[in-house]
Amino acid sequence: MATKVIRTIIQTKNAAQAIGPYSQAVLVDHTLYISGCLGIEPASGNIVSGGVVPEAEQALKNMGEILKAADVGYENVVKTTVLLADMNDFAQVNEVYKKYFQKRFPARAAYQVAHLPKSGRVEIEAIAIVAEIVDQ
């Protein structure tokens, strides 16, 4: 049998709650898998108004709260996936994104999708390392 690893569900009330049968994040060993974060305001459960820029801001704030619940920060993120309702929003989302990821940028993919939950304009998922990262 394979070596055993510990799986921990990460949950915080400070980020938007899952809107389906999934966890906000799952920690397996030292790898944190963060579900897609939408621009949902945690208190209301609604997408923030104003378009893709405030949605991206809120999505990344939600991600930050999930990272905090796992005792790490944005600097521990090693991979993100950005889902956009319209690829024409790519540059605007990048402007918001670089406020949160300022150096040692994570690997990333970005896709335009047909439709996002709650008619969101952007959704961002991430993988982070829950350990001290030593850069070379």
N, C-alpha and C. Protein backbone atom coordinates (compact mmCIF):
# COMPACT_ATOMS: atom_id res chain seq x y z
N MET A 1 0.85 -1.19 0.00
CA MET A 1 0.00 0.00 0.00
C MET A 1 0.89 1.24 0.00
N ALA A 2 0.41 2.27 -0.63
CA ALA A 2 1.15 3.53 -0.74
C ALA A 2 1.30 4.20 0.62
N THR A 3 2.25 5.09 0.71
CA THR A 3 2.46 5.88 1.91
C THR A 3 1.20 6.71 2.18
N LYS A 4 0.85 6.84 3.44
CA LYS A 4 -0.33 7.62 3.80
C LYS A 4 0.02 9.10 3.88
N VAL A 5 -0.92 9.92 3.42
CA VAL A 5 -0.81 11.37 3.55
C VAL A 5 -2.09 11.88 4.22
N ILE A 6 -1.98 13.03 4.80
CA ILE A 6 -3.12 13.61 5.51
C ILE A 6 -3.84 14.58 4.59
N ARG A 7 -5.16 14.47 4.55
CA ARG A 7 -6.00 15.40 3.79
C ARG A 7 -6.79 16.23 4.80
N THR A 8 -6.72 17.55 4.64
CA THR A 8 -7.43 18.47 5.52
C THR A 8 -8.29 19.39 4.68
N ILE A 9 -9.55 19.51 5.05
CA ILE A 9 -10.44 20.45 4.36
C ILE A 9 -10.24 21.83 4.98
N ILE A 10 -10.00 22.83 4.15
CA ILE A 10 -9.81 24.21 4.60
C ILE A 10 -11.11 24.96 4.32
N GLN A 11 -11.62 25.60 5.35
CA GLN A 11 -12.89 26.31 5.25
C GLN A 11 -12.80 27.60 6.08
N THR A 12 -13.27 28.69 5.55
CA THR A 12 -13.33 29.94 6.30
C THR A 12 -14.62 30.67 5.98
N LYS A 13 -15.18 31.31 6.97
CA LYS A 13 -16.38 32.13 6.75
C LYS A 13 -16.02 33.49 6.17
N ASN A 14 -14.72 33.80 6.11
CA ASN A 14 -14.27 35.10 5.60
C ASN A 14 -14.17 35.15 4.08
N ALA A 15 -14.44 34.03 3.43
CA ALA A 15 -14.46 33.97 1.96
C ALA A 15 -15.82 33.46 1.53
N ALA A 16 -16.15 33.68 0.27
CA ALA A 16 -17.43 33.20 -0.25
C ALA A 16 -17.53 31.70 -0.04
N GLN A 17 -18.69 31.26 0.36
CA GLN A 17 -18.92 29.84 0.61
C GLN A 17 -19.09 29.09 -0.71
N ALA A 18 -18.76 27.82 -0.69
CA ALA A 18 -18.94 26.97 -1.86
C ALA A 18 -20.42 26.99 -2.27
N ILE A 19 -20.67 27.04 -3.56
CA ILE A 19 -22.04 27.08 -4.04
C ILE A 19 -22.43 25.74 -4.67
N GLY A 20 -21.73 24.71 -4.27
CA GLY A 20 -21.99 23.36 -4.75
C GLY A 20 -21.33 22.35 -3.83
N PRO A 21 -21.31 21.09 -4.22
CA PRO A 21 -20.72 20.05 -3.38
C PRO A 21 -19.19 19.98 -3.53
N TYR A 22 -18.52 21.01 -3.04
CA TYR A 22 -17.06 21.05 -3.06
C TYR A 22 -16.56 21.87 -1.89
N SER A 23 -15.28 21.76 -1.61
CA SER A 23 -14.64 22.50 -0.51
C SER A 23 -13.99 23.76 -1.05
N GLN A 24 -13.85 24.76 -0.17
CA GLN A 24 -13.11 25.96 -0.58
C GLN A 24 -11.68 25.58 -0.94
N ALA A 25 -11.09 24.70 -0.15
CA ALA A 25 -9.74 24.24 -0.44
C ALA A 25 -9.50 22.90 0.25
N VAL A 26 -8.56 22.15 -0.30
CA VAL A 26 -8.16 20.87 0.28
C VAL A 26 -6.65 20.86 0.37
N LEU A 27 -6.16 20.57 1.56
CA LEU A 27 -4.72 20.46 1.80
C LEU A 27 -4.36 18.98 1.85
N VAL A 28 -3.45 18.56 0.97
CA VAL A 28 -2.94 17.20 0.97
C VAL A 28 -1.42 17.29 1.10
N ASP A 29 -0.93 16.77 2.23
CA ASP A 29 0.48 16.90 2.56
C ASP A 29 0.81 18.39 2.62
N HIS A 30 1.66 18.90 1.76
CA HIS A 30 2.01 20.33 1.78
C HIS A 30 1.42 21.09 0.59
N THR A 31 0.52 20.45 -0.14
CA THR A 31 -0.07 21.07 -1.32
C THR A 31 -1.51 21.46 -1.04
N LEU A 32 -1.82 22.74 -1.27
CA LEU A 32 -3.14 23.29 -1.05
C LEU A 32 -3.81 23.53 -2.40
N TYR A 33 -4.93 22.89 -2.61
CA TYR A 33 -5.71 23.04 -3.84
C TYR A 33 -6.90 23.94 -3.53
N ILE A 34 -6.90 25.13 -4.11
CA ILE A 34 -7.96 26.11 -3.85
C ILE A 34 -8.96 26.09 -5.00
N SER A 35 -10.22 25.86 -4.66
CA SER A 35 -11.27 25.86 -5.67
C SER A 35 -11.38 27.23 -6.31
N GLY A 36 -12.01 27.26 -7.47
CA GLY A 36 -12.20 28.52 -8.17
C GLY A 36 -12.90 29.55 -7.31
N CYS A 37 -12.32 30.72 -7.24
CA CYS A 37 -12.87 31.84 -6.46
C CYS A 37 -13.53 32.83 -7.42
N LEU A 38 -14.77 33.11 -7.14
CA LEU A 38 -15.53 34.10 -7.91
C LEU A 38 -15.53 35.42 -7.14
N GLY A 39 -16.02 36.45 -7.79
CA GLY A 39 -16.14 37.76 -7.14
C GLY A 39 -17.38 37.87 -6.28
N ILE A 40 -17.56 36.91 -5.40
CA ILE A 40 -18.73 36.86 -4.52
C ILE A 40 -18.39 37.51 -3.19
N GLU A 41 -19.24 38.44 -2.77
CA GLU A 41 -19.09 39.08 -1.47
C GLU A 41 -19.57 38.07 -0.42
N PRO A 42 -18.70 37.71 0.56
CA PRO A 42 -19.05 36.65 1.50
C PRO A 42 -20.33 36.89 2.30
N ALA A 43 -20.59 38.10 2.73
CA ALA A 43 -21.75 38.37 3.58
C ALA A 43 -23.07 38.20 2.83
N SER A 44 -23.11 38.63 1.58
CA SER A 44 -24.37 38.59 0.83
C SER A 44 -24.51 37.33 -0.03
N GLY A 45 -23.37 36.76 -0.42
CA GLY A 45 -23.41 35.62 -1.33
C GLY A 45 -23.67 36.01 -2.77
N ASN A 46 -23.58 37.31 -3.05
CA ASN A 46 -23.83 37.81 -4.40
C ASN A 46 -22.53 38.27 -5.06
N ILE A 47 -22.52 38.22 -6.39
CA ILE A 47 -21.40 38.76 -7.16
C ILE A 47 -21.37 40.28 -6.94
N VAL A 48 -20.17 40.82 -6.71
CA VAL A 48 -20.05 42.27 -6.54
C VAL A 48 -20.41 42.95 -7.85
N SER A 49 -20.91 44.16 -7.75
CA SER A 49 -21.31 44.90 -8.96
C SER A 49 -20.12 45.68 -9.50
N GLY A 50 -20.25 46.09 -10.76
CA GLY A 50 -19.25 46.97 -11.34
C GLY A 50 -18.40 46.34 -12.43
N GLY A 51 -18.58 45.04 -12.69
CA GLY A 51 -17.85 44.43 -13.80
C GLY A 51 -16.64 43.61 -13.37
N VAL A 52 -15.79 43.35 -14.35
CA VAL A 52 -14.71 42.39 -14.16
C VAL A 52 -13.64 42.86 -13.16
N VAL A 53 -13.36 44.15 -13.07
CA VAL A 53 -12.31 44.63 -12.15
C VAL A 53 -12.71 44.40 -10.69
N PRO A 54 -13.87 44.87 -10.24
CA PRO A 54 -14.23 44.57 -8.85
C PRO A 54 -14.44 43.08 -8.59
N GLU A 55 -14.88 42.33 -9.61
CA GLU A 55 -15.02 40.89 -9.43
C GLU A 55 -13.67 40.22 -9.24
N ALA A 56 -12.68 40.63 -10.02
CA ALA A 56 -11.34 40.06 -9.87
C ALA A 56 -10.77 40.41 -8.50
N GLU A 57 -10.97 41.66 -8.07
CA GLU A 57 -10.51 42.08 -6.73
C GLU A 57 -11.13 41.19 -5.65
N GLN A 58 -12.44 40.99 -5.72
CA GLN A 58 -13.13 40.20 -4.70
C GLN A 58 -12.72 38.73 -4.77
N ALA A 59 -12.55 38.21 -5.97
CA ALA A 59 -12.12 36.82 -6.13
C ALA A 59 -10.76 36.61 -5.45
N LEU A 60 -9.85 37.55 -5.66
CA LEU A 60 -8.51 37.42 -5.07
C LEU A 60 -8.52 37.69 -3.57
N LYS A 61 -9.42 38.55 -3.11
CA LYS A 61 -9.58 38.73 -1.65
C LYS A 61 -10.10 37.43 -1.03
N ASN A 62 -11.07 36.80 -1.68
CA ASN A 62 -11.58 35.52 -1.19
C ASN A 62 -10.46 34.49 -1.14
N MET A 63 -9.65 34.45 -2.19
CA MET A 63 -8.52 33.52 -2.21
C MET A 63 -7.56 33.82 -1.06
N GLY A 64 -7.33 35.09 -0.80
CA GLY A 64 -6.44 35.47 0.30
C GLY A 64 -6.94 34.99 1.65
N GLU A 65 -8.24 35.04 1.85
CA GLU A 65 -8.82 34.55 3.11
C GLU A 65 -8.67 33.03 3.24
N ILE A 66 -8.79 32.34 2.13
CA ILE A 66 -8.59 30.88 2.15
C ILE A 66 -7.12 30.57 2.43
N LEU A 67 -6.22 31.29 1.79
CA LEU A 67 -4.79 31.11 2.06
C LEU A 67 -4.49 31.38 3.53
N LYS A 68 -5.06 32.45 4.07
CA LYS A 68 -4.86 32.79 5.47
C LYS A 68 -5.35 31.67 6.38
N ALA A 69 -6.47 31.06 6.04
CA ALA A 69 -7.02 29.96 6.84
C ALA A 69 -6.07 28.75 6.85
N ALA A 70 -5.21 28.68 5.83
CA ALA A 70 -4.21 27.61 5.76
C ALA A 70 -2.85 28.09 6.28
N ASP A 71 -2.81 29.29 6.85
CA ASP A 71 -1.58 29.87 7.42
C ASP A 71 -0.49 30.16 6.39
N VAL A 72 -0.89 30.55 5.19
CA VAL A 72 0.05 30.97 4.16
C VAL A 72 -0.48 32.22 3.47
N GLY A 73 0.25 32.71 2.48
CA GLY A 73 -0.17 33.91 1.76
C GLY A 73 0.00 33.74 0.26
N TYR A 74 -0.24 34.81 -0.47
CA TYR A 74 -0.15 34.79 -1.93
C TYR A 74 1.22 34.34 -2.41
N GLU A 75 2.26 34.61 -1.63
CA GLU A 75 3.61 34.23 -2.03
C GLU A 75 3.80 32.71 -2.06
N ASN A 76 2.89 31.96 -1.48
CA ASN A 76 2.97 30.50 -1.49
C ASN A 76 2.25 29.89 -2.69
N VAL A 77 1.56 30.70 -3.47
CA VAL A 77 0.85 30.20 -4.64
C VAL A 77 1.86 29.92 -5.75
N VAL A 78 1.77 28.71 -6.32
CA VAL A 78 2.70 28.31 -7.38
C VAL A 78 2.02 28.14 -8.73
N LYS A 79 0.69 28.06 -8.75
CA LYS A 79 -0.04 27.88 -10.02
C LYS A 79 -1.44 28.45 -9.87
N THR A 80 -1.88 29.17 -10.89
CA THR A 80 -3.27 29.64 -10.92
C THR A 80 -3.88 29.32 -12.29
N THR A 81 -5.18 29.27 -12.30
CA THR A 81 -5.94 29.18 -13.55
C THR A 81 -6.99 30.26 -13.49
N VAL A 82 -7.02 31.09 -14.53
CA VAL A 82 -7.96 32.20 -14.62
C VAL A 82 -8.98 31.85 -15.69
N LEU A 83 -10.24 31.87 -15.31
CA LEU A 83 -11.34 31.62 -16.24
C LEU A 83 -12.07 32.93 -16.48
N LEU A 84 -12.22 33.29 -17.73
CA LEU A 84 -12.83 34.57 -18.09
C LEU A 84 -14.08 34.34 -18.94
N ALA A 85 -15.11 35.11 -18.67
CA ALA A 85 -16.30 35.08 -19.51
C ALA A 85 -16.01 35.73 -20.86
N ASP A 86 -15.03 36.64 -20.89
CA ASP A 86 -14.67 37.34 -22.13
C ASP A 86 -13.16 37.57 -22.12
N MET A 87 -12.45 37.00 -23.09
CA MET A 87 -11.00 37.15 -23.15
C MET A 87 -10.59 38.61 -23.33
N ASN A 88 -11.50 39.46 -23.77
CA ASN A 88 -11.20 40.89 -23.87
C ASN A 88 -10.96 41.52 -22.51
N ASP A 89 -11.32 40.83 -21.43
CA ASP A 89 -11.09 41.33 -20.07
C ASP A 89 -9.71 40.95 -19.53
N PHE A 90 -8.93 40.23 -20.32
CA PHE A 90 -7.63 39.72 -19.89
C PHE A 90 -6.72 40.80 -19.31
N ALA A 91 -6.56 41.91 -20.01
CA ALA A 91 -5.65 42.98 -19.56
C ALA A 91 -6.14 43.60 -18.25
N GLN A 92 -7.44 43.82 -18.12
CA GLN A 92 -7.98 44.40 -16.88
C GLN A 92 -7.76 43.46 -15.70
N VAL A 93 -7.97 42.18 -15.91
CA VAL A 93 -7.75 41.20 -14.83
C VAL A 93 -6.27 41.16 -14.47
N ASN A 94 -5.38 41.25 -15.46
CA ASN A 94 -3.94 41.28 -15.17
C ASN A 94 -3.56 42.44 -14.27
N GLU A 95 -4.19 43.59 -14.48
CA GLU A 95 -3.89 44.76 -13.64
C GLU A 95 -4.25 44.49 -12.18
N VAL A 96 -5.36 43.83 -11.95
CA VAL A 96 -5.75 43.47 -10.58
C VAL A 96 -4.83 42.38 -10.06
N TYR A 97 -4.60 41.36 -10.86
CA TYR A 97 -3.80 40.19 -10.49
C TYR A 97 -2.41 40.58 -9.98
N LYS A 98 -1.78 41.52 -10.67
CA LYS A 98 -0.40 41.88 -10.29
C LYS A 98 -0.33 42.69 -8.99
N LYS A 99 -1.46 43.12 -8.45
CA LYS A 99 -1.47 43.73 -7.11
C LYS A 99 -1.28 42.66 -6.04
N TYR A 100 -1.72 41.45 -6.33
CA TYR A 100 -1.68 40.35 -5.36
C TYR A 100 -0.46 39.45 -5.56
N PHE A 101 -0.01 39.31 -6.80
CA PHE A 101 1.17 38.51 -7.12
C PHE A 101 2.21 39.47 -7.69
N GLN A 102 3.17 39.88 -6.85
CA GLN A 102 4.06 40.96 -7.23
C GLN A 102 5.46 40.52 -7.63
N LYS A 103 5.87 39.35 -7.22
CA LYS A 103 7.19 38.83 -7.63
C LYS A 103 7.12 37.32 -7.56
N ARG A 104 8.05 36.68 -8.20
CA ARG A 104 8.03 35.21 -8.26
C ARG A 104 6.63 34.75 -8.65
N PHE A 105 6.18 35.26 -9.80
CA PHE A 105 4.82 35.00 -10.25
C PHE A 105 4.55 33.50 -10.36
N PRO A 106 3.35 33.08 -9.97
CA PRO A 106 3.01 31.67 -10.15
C PRO A 106 2.85 31.32 -11.63
N ALA A 107 3.00 30.05 -11.95
CA ALA A 107 2.64 29.59 -13.30
C ALA A 107 1.15 29.85 -13.46
N ARG A 108 0.70 30.02 -14.71
CA ARG A 108 -0.71 30.37 -14.88
C ARG A 108 -1.20 29.96 -16.25
N ALA A 109 -2.47 29.63 -16.29
CA ALA A 109 -3.18 29.45 -17.55
C ALA A 109 -4.41 30.35 -17.49
N ALA A 110 -4.87 30.81 -18.64
CA ALA A 110 -6.09 31.63 -18.71
C ALA A 110 -6.91 31.16 -19.89
N TYR A 111 -8.21 31.03 -19.65
CA TYR A 111 -9.12 30.54 -20.67
C TYR A 111 -10.38 31.38 -20.69
N GLN A 112 -10.96 31.51 -21.89
CA GLN A 112 -12.31 32.04 -21.99
C GLN A 112 -13.26 30.85 -21.92
N VAL A 113 -14.30 31.00 -21.14
CA VAL A 113 -15.28 29.92 -20.97
C VAL A 113 -16.65 30.42 -21.41
N ALA A 114 -17.56 29.48 -21.66
CA ALA A 114 -18.90 29.84 -22.13
C ALA A 114 -19.73 30.54 -21.07
N HIS A 115 -19.61 30.09 -19.81
CA HIS A 115 -20.43 30.66 -18.76
C HIS A 115 -19.83 30.31 -17.41
N LEU A 116 -19.86 31.24 -16.47
CA LEU A 116 -19.37 31.00 -15.11
C LEU A 116 -20.55 30.99 -14.14
N PRO A 117 -20.40 30.32 -13.00
CA PRO A 117 -21.49 30.32 -12.01
C PRO A 117 -21.90 31.74 -11.62
N LYS A 118 -23.18 31.91 -11.35
CA LYS A 118 -23.75 33.19 -10.94
C LYS A 118 -23.51 34.29 -11.96
N SER A 119 -23.25 33.90 -13.21
CA SER A 119 -22.97 34.83 -14.30
C SER A 119 -21.76 35.72 -14.01
N GLY A 120 -20.79 35.16 -13.30
CA GLY A 120 -19.56 35.89 -13.01
C GLY A 120 -18.76 36.19 -14.27
N ARG A 121 -17.87 37.14 -14.16
CA ARG A 121 -17.01 37.53 -15.29
C ARG A 121 -15.63 36.89 -15.20
N VAL A 122 -15.23 36.48 -13.96
CA VAL A 122 -13.90 35.90 -13.75
C VAL A 122 -13.95 34.93 -12.58
N GLU A 123 -13.19 33.84 -12.70
CA GLU A 123 -13.02 32.87 -11.63
C GLU A 123 -11.54 32.48 -11.61
N ILE A 124 -10.97 32.39 -10.41
CA ILE A 124 -9.54 32.09 -10.30
C ILE A 124 -9.35 30.96 -9.30
N GLU A 125 -8.68 29.89 -9.73
CA GLU A 125 -8.33 28.79 -8.84
C GLU A 125 -6.82 28.78 -8.66
N ALA A 126 -6.35 28.07 -7.63
CA ALA A 126 -4.91 28.12 -7.35
C ALA A 126 -4.42 26.84 -6.68
N ILE A 127 -3.14 26.65 -6.79
CA ILE A 127 -2.42 25.62 -6.04
C ILE A 127 -1.32 26.35 -5.28
N ALA A 128 -1.21 26.06 -3.99
CA ALA A 128 -0.20 26.71 -3.14
C ALA A 128 0.55 25.63 -2.36
N ILE A 129 1.72 26.00 -1.91
CA ILE A 129 2.55 25.13 -1.07
C ILE A 129 2.46 25.64 0.36
N VAL A 130 2.11 24.76 1.27
CA VAL A 130 2.00 25.11 2.69
C VAL A 130 3.29 24.66 3.38
N ALA A 131 4.30 25.45 3.17
CA ALA A 131 5.63 25.22 3.74
C ALA A 131 6.47 26.44 3.38
N GLU A 132 7.62 26.54 4.00
CA GLU A 132 8.54 27.62 3.62
C GLU A 132 9.10 27.29 2.24
N ILE A 133 9.00 28.25 1.34
CA ILE A 133 9.52 28.07 0.00
C ILE A 133 10.85 28.79 -0.10
N VAL A 134 11.87 28.08 -0.54
CA VAL A 134 13.20 28.66 -0.72
C VAL A 134 13.43 28.83 -2.22
N ASP A 135 13.58 30.07 -2.66
CA ASP A 135 13.78 30.35 -4.07
C ASP A 135 15.25 30.22 -4.45
N GLN A 136 15.47 29.77 -5.66
CA GLN A 136 16.84 29.70 -6.18
C GLN A 136 17.00 30.64 -7.34
